[in-house]
């Protein structure tokens, strides 16, 4: 497998986004976010996402160059609409608006709707820690991407709903960043990209469950 310097990957990724109509500054934010995820050991949120994002830009799911719209604002709370812009760009814009509020009042909260994939949540916890602030975030995927089977279930009903917490320390911040499923969706995507089987317990074959249920319904004598 070829190895590329991080700067090279940033440059290539940035140029691809720019070619898709993304403003240069926004393309740089997304490219650096993806490469940073690779450098942190999370290929699930790294440059393998470039073709996915480009596909969304191509078919109009993501919109390049849009602004972050403020829907409602109080001294401590901000509700925003990302207008289906690139997630990393809009998430950092929201965080940039929340930090001054938190510095002024001690706490601030914000919501972001109609937003593209924002990448590695730990990235924003680290950014908040650089401002000497604690951080908590959760993602609901707009109710889409319902790939997670509830305990005892056979078909996806919920998203992986990631949760992230971060706190600054005298050295590196302490960051917890995890999905609420057995494994994050992106980890499965990594195995698909590498054409490698996933470990036992990561995936549920819903077709097998349906087939077994059908046999039970027909009274075939199978154990049910």
Protein backbone atom coordinates (compact mmCIF):
# COMPACT_ATOMS: atom_id res chain seq x y z
CA UNK A 1 0.00 0.00 0.00
CA UNK A 2 1.48 3.40 -0.98
CA UNK A 3 2.30 5.95 1.71
CA UNK A 4 1.88 9.69 1.18
CA UNK A 5 3.10 12.62 3.29
CA UNK A 6 0.28 14.42 5.10
CA UNK A 7 0.93 17.67 3.21
CA UNK A 8 0.55 15.85 -0.08
CA UNK A 9 -2.78 14.36 0.96
CA UNK A 10 -4.01 17.76 2.11
CA UNK A 11 -3.01 19.32 -1.21
CA UNK A 12 -4.63 16.58 -3.29
CA UNK A 13 -7.83 16.56 -1.25
CA UNK A 14 -8.07 20.34 -1.29
CA UNK A 15 -7.64 20.48 -5.06
CA UNK A 16 -10.36 17.88 -5.58
CA UNK A 17 -12.83 19.87 -3.48
CA UNK A 18 -11.91 23.09 -5.25
CA UNK A 19 -12.49 21.36 -8.60
CA UNK A 20 -15.97 20.46 -7.34
CA UNK A 21 -16.74 24.14 -6.75
CA UNK A 22 -15.86 24.42 -3.06
CA UNK A 23 -14.29 27.78 -2.09
CA UNK A 24 -10.57 27.48 -1.41
CA UNK A 25 -10.80 28.31 2.31
CA UNK A 26 -13.59 25.78 2.86
CA UNK A 27 -11.77 23.13 0.83
CA UNK A 28 -8.73 23.62 3.05
CA UNK A 29 -10.77 23.17 6.23
CA UNK A 30 -12.26 19.88 5.03
CA UNK A 31 -9.01 18.54 3.58
CA UNK A 32 -7.07 19.22 6.78
CA UNK A 33 -9.84 17.69 8.89
CA UNK A 34 -9.80 14.46 6.90
CA UNK A 35 -6.01 14.12 6.90
CA UNK A 36 -5.91 14.93 10.61
CA UNK A 37 -8.29 12.02 11.22
CA UNK A 38 -5.88 9.71 9.39
CA UNK A 39 -2.98 11.03 11.46
CA UNK A 40 -4.99 10.35 14.63
CA UNK A 41 -5.44 6.74 13.53
CA UNK A 42 -9.10 7.07 12.52
CA UNK A 43 -9.09 6.16 8.84
CA UNK A 44 -12.87 5.88 9.15
CA UNK A 45 -13.01 9.68 9.06
CA UNK A 46 -10.00 10.27 6.84
CA UNK A 47 -9.37 10.81 3.14
CA UNK A 48 -11.42 7.76 2.21
CA UNK A 49 -14.37 10.15 2.72
CA UNK A 50 -13.25 12.36 -0.17
CA UNK A 51 -15.10 10.35 -2.89
CA UNK A 52 -18.21 10.24 -0.68
CA UNK A 53 -18.24 14.01 -0.17
CA UNK A 54 -17.54 14.64 -3.87
CA UNK A 55 -20.44 12.40 -4.78
CA UNK A 56 -22.75 14.36 -2.47
CA UNK A 57 -21.53 17.61 -4.01
CA UNK A 58 -22.05 16.24 -7.50
CA UNK A 59 -25.63 15.13 -6.90
CA UNK A 60 -26.61 18.24 -4.97
CA UNK A 61 -26.95 16.67 -1.54
CA UNK A 62 -24.16 18.95 -0.29
CA UNK A 63 -23.98 22.59 -1.34
CA UNK A 64 -20.60 24.35 -1.65
CA UNK A 65 -20.00 27.85 -0.39
CA UNK A 66 -23.19 28.28 1.66
CA UNK A 67 -23.39 30.39 4.79
CA UNK A 68 -24.28 29.28 8.31
CA UNK A 69 -27.74 30.70 9.03
CA UNK A 70 -28.60 31.74 12.58
CA UNK A 71 -32.21 30.75 13.29
CA UNK A 72 -32.45 31.80 16.92
CA UNK A 73 -30.01 33.31 19.38
CA UNK A 74 -29.83 34.17 23.06
CA UNK A 75 -26.76 35.11 25.12
CA UNK A 76 -26.09 31.40 25.82
CA UNK A 77 -27.93 29.47 23.09
CA UNK A 78 -27.63 29.38 19.31
CA UNK A 79 -29.75 27.46 16.81
CA UNK A 80 -28.34 27.33 13.28
CA UNK A 81 -28.99 25.90 9.84
CA UNK A 82 -26.02 24.65 7.83
CA UNK A 83 -27.99 24.75 4.56
CA UNK A 84 -26.44 21.37 3.67
CA UNK A 85 -22.98 22.84 3.53
CA UNK A 86 -19.86 20.79 4.15
CA UNK A 87 -20.02 19.62 7.75
CA UNK A 88 -16.53 20.47 8.97
CA UNK A 89 -16.85 24.04 7.68
CA UNK A 90 -20.22 24.65 9.31
CA UNK A 91 -19.40 22.87 12.57
CA UNK A 92 -16.29 24.99 13.08
CA UNK A 93 -18.31 28.12 12.31
CA UNK A 94 -20.83 27.15 14.97
CA UNK A 95 -18.07 26.40 17.49
CA UNK A 96 -16.49 29.74 16.68
CA UNK A 97 -19.75 31.48 17.65
CA UNK A 98 -20.21 29.44 20.83
CA UNK A 99 -16.75 29.94 22.33
CA UNK A 100 -17.21 33.69 22.97
CA UNK A 101 -20.61 33.01 24.54
CA UNK A 102 -19.14 30.37 26.83
CA UNK A 103 -16.28 32.65 27.75
CA UNK A 104 -18.73 35.41 28.66
CA UNK A 105 -21.30 33.33 30.56
CA UNK A 106 -19.46 30.15 31.51
CA UNK A 107 -21.65 27.91 29.35
CA UNK A 108 -23.12 27.90 25.85
CA UNK A 109 -25.12 25.47 23.71
CA UNK A 110 -25.76 25.25 19.99
CA UNK A 111 -27.63 23.17 17.46
CA UNK A 112 -26.79 22.55 13.82
CA UNK A 113 -29.35 21.18 11.38
CA UNK A 114 -29.31 20.34 7.66
CA UNK A 115 -25.59 19.70 7.81
CA UNK A 116 -23.19 17.42 5.98
CA UNK A 117 -21.00 14.84 7.72
CA UNK A 118 -18.88 16.78 10.24
CA UNK A 119 -16.10 14.22 10.51
CA UNK A 120 -14.30 13.27 13.71
CA UNK A 121 -16.07 14.78 16.71
CA UNK A 122 -12.85 14.73 18.72
CA UNK A 123 -11.53 17.44 16.41
CA UNK A 124 -14.00 19.93 17.91
CA UNK A 125 -13.31 18.80 21.47
CA UNK A 126 -9.62 19.47 20.83
CA UNK A 127 -10.44 22.90 19.40
CA UNK A 128 -12.50 23.75 22.49
CA UNK A 129 -9.72 22.50 24.77
CA UNK A 130 -7.29 24.89 23.10
CA UNK A 131 -9.64 27.62 24.35
CA UNK A 132 -9.45 26.05 27.84
CA UNK A 133 -13.04 24.89 27.63
CA UNK A 134 -14.85 21.61 28.21
CA UNK A 135 -16.91 20.21 25.37
CA UNK A 136 -19.91 17.94 24.88
CA UNK A 137 -21.49 17.02 21.54
CA UNK A 138 -23.95 14.48 20.17
CA UNK A 139 -25.08 13.70 16.64
CA UNK A 140 -28.47 12.36 15.56
CA UNK A 141 -27.87 12.06 11.78
CA UNK A 142 -31.21 13.77 11.03
CA UNK A 143 -32.83 10.37 11.57
CA UNK A 144 -31.05 9.01 8.50
CA UNK A 145 -28.43 6.28 8.29
CA UNK A 146 -30.51 3.96 10.45
CA UNK A 147 -28.08 1.07 10.31
CA UNK A 148 -27.97 0.01 13.96
CA UNK A 149 -29.97 -3.02 15.10
CA UNK A 150 -31.46 -2.57 18.59
CA UNK A 151 -30.59 -5.34 21.10
CA UNK A 152 -32.49 -8.45 20.04
CA UNK A 153 -33.54 -6.88 16.75
CA UNK A 154 -32.94 -7.97 13.18
CA UNK A 155 -33.00 -4.74 11.14
CA UNK A 156 -31.47 -1.29 11.47
CA UNK A 157 -33.65 1.21 13.30
CA UNK A 158 -31.30 3.88 14.70
CA UNK A 159 -28.12 5.73 13.75
CA UNK A 160 -24.80 5.19 15.49
CA UNK A 161 -25.51 8.52 17.27
CA UNK A 162 -21.94 9.49 18.20
CA UNK A 163 -21.18 11.19 21.52
CA UNK A 164 -18.07 13.18 22.35
CA UNK A 165 -16.77 14.72 25.58
CA UNK A 166 -13.54 16.63 26.03
CA UNK A 167 -11.79 18.50 28.83
CA UNK A 168 -8.58 20.54 28.80
CA UNK A 169 -5.68 19.55 31.02
CA UNK A 170 -2.24 20.96 31.73
CA UNK A 171 -1.01 18.84 28.82
CA UNK A 172 -3.06 17.13 26.08
CA UNK A 173 -6.86 17.22 26.47
CA UNK A 174 -8.83 14.17 27.58
CA UNK A 175 -11.25 13.28 24.78
CA UNK A 176 -13.90 10.54 24.62
CA UNK A 177 -15.37 10.11 21.12
CA UNK A 178 -17.51 7.06 20.40
CA UNK A 179 -20.58 5.68 18.66
CA UNK A 180 -23.41 4.10 20.58
CA UNK A 181 -23.33 0.91 18.52
CA UNK A 182 -20.98 -2.09 18.67
CA UNK A 183 -18.77 -0.26 16.19
CA UNK A 184 -18.88 3.05 14.36
CA UNK A 185 -20.23 2.98 10.81
CA UNK A 186 -16.96 4.34 9.47
CA UNK A 187 -15.01 1.39 10.87
CA UNK A 188 -17.16 -0.93 8.76
CA UNK A 189 -16.53 1.34 5.79
CA UNK A 190 -12.76 0.95 6.32
CA UNK A 191 -13.04 -2.83 6.07
CA UNK A 192 -15.14 -2.47 2.91
CA UNK A 193 -12.51 -0.20 1.34
CA UNK A 194 -9.76 -2.67 2.22
CA UNK A 195 -11.88 -5.64 1.11
CA UNK A 196 -11.37 -7.25 4.51
CA UNK A 197 -13.98 -9.18 6.53
CA UNK A 198 -15.32 -7.48 9.63
CA UNK A 199 -14.83 -9.08 13.05
CA UNK A 200 -17.53 -11.35 14.43
CA UNK A 201 -20.38 -9.39 16.01
CA UNK A 202 -20.01 -6.18 14.00
CA UNK A 203 -22.71 -6.92 11.43
CA UNK A 204 -26.15 -8.55 11.44
CA UNK A 205 -27.36 -10.48 8.40
CA UNK A 206 -31.01 -9.44 8.42
CA UNK A 207 -31.78 -11.69 5.44
CA UNK A 208 -30.88 -14.74 7.52
CA UNK A 209 -33.23 -13.61 10.28
CA UNK A 210 -36.08 -13.07 7.83
CA UNK A 211 -35.47 -16.47 6.27
CA UNK A 212 -35.52 -18.15 9.66
CA UNK A 213 -38.69 -16.31 10.65
CA UNK A 214 -40.34 -17.43 7.44
CA UNK A 215 -39.45 -21.07 8.12
CA UNK A 216 -40.92 -20.77 11.62
CA UNK A 217 -44.11 -19.25 10.27
CA UNK A 218 -44.52 -22.10 7.81
CA UNK A 219 -44.08 -24.62 10.61
CA UNK A 220 -41.13 -26.33 8.97
CA UNK A 221 -39.99 -27.90 12.20
CA UNK A 222 -36.96 -25.62 12.48
CA UNK A 223 -35.94 -24.45 15.90
CA UNK A 224 -37.41 -20.98 16.46
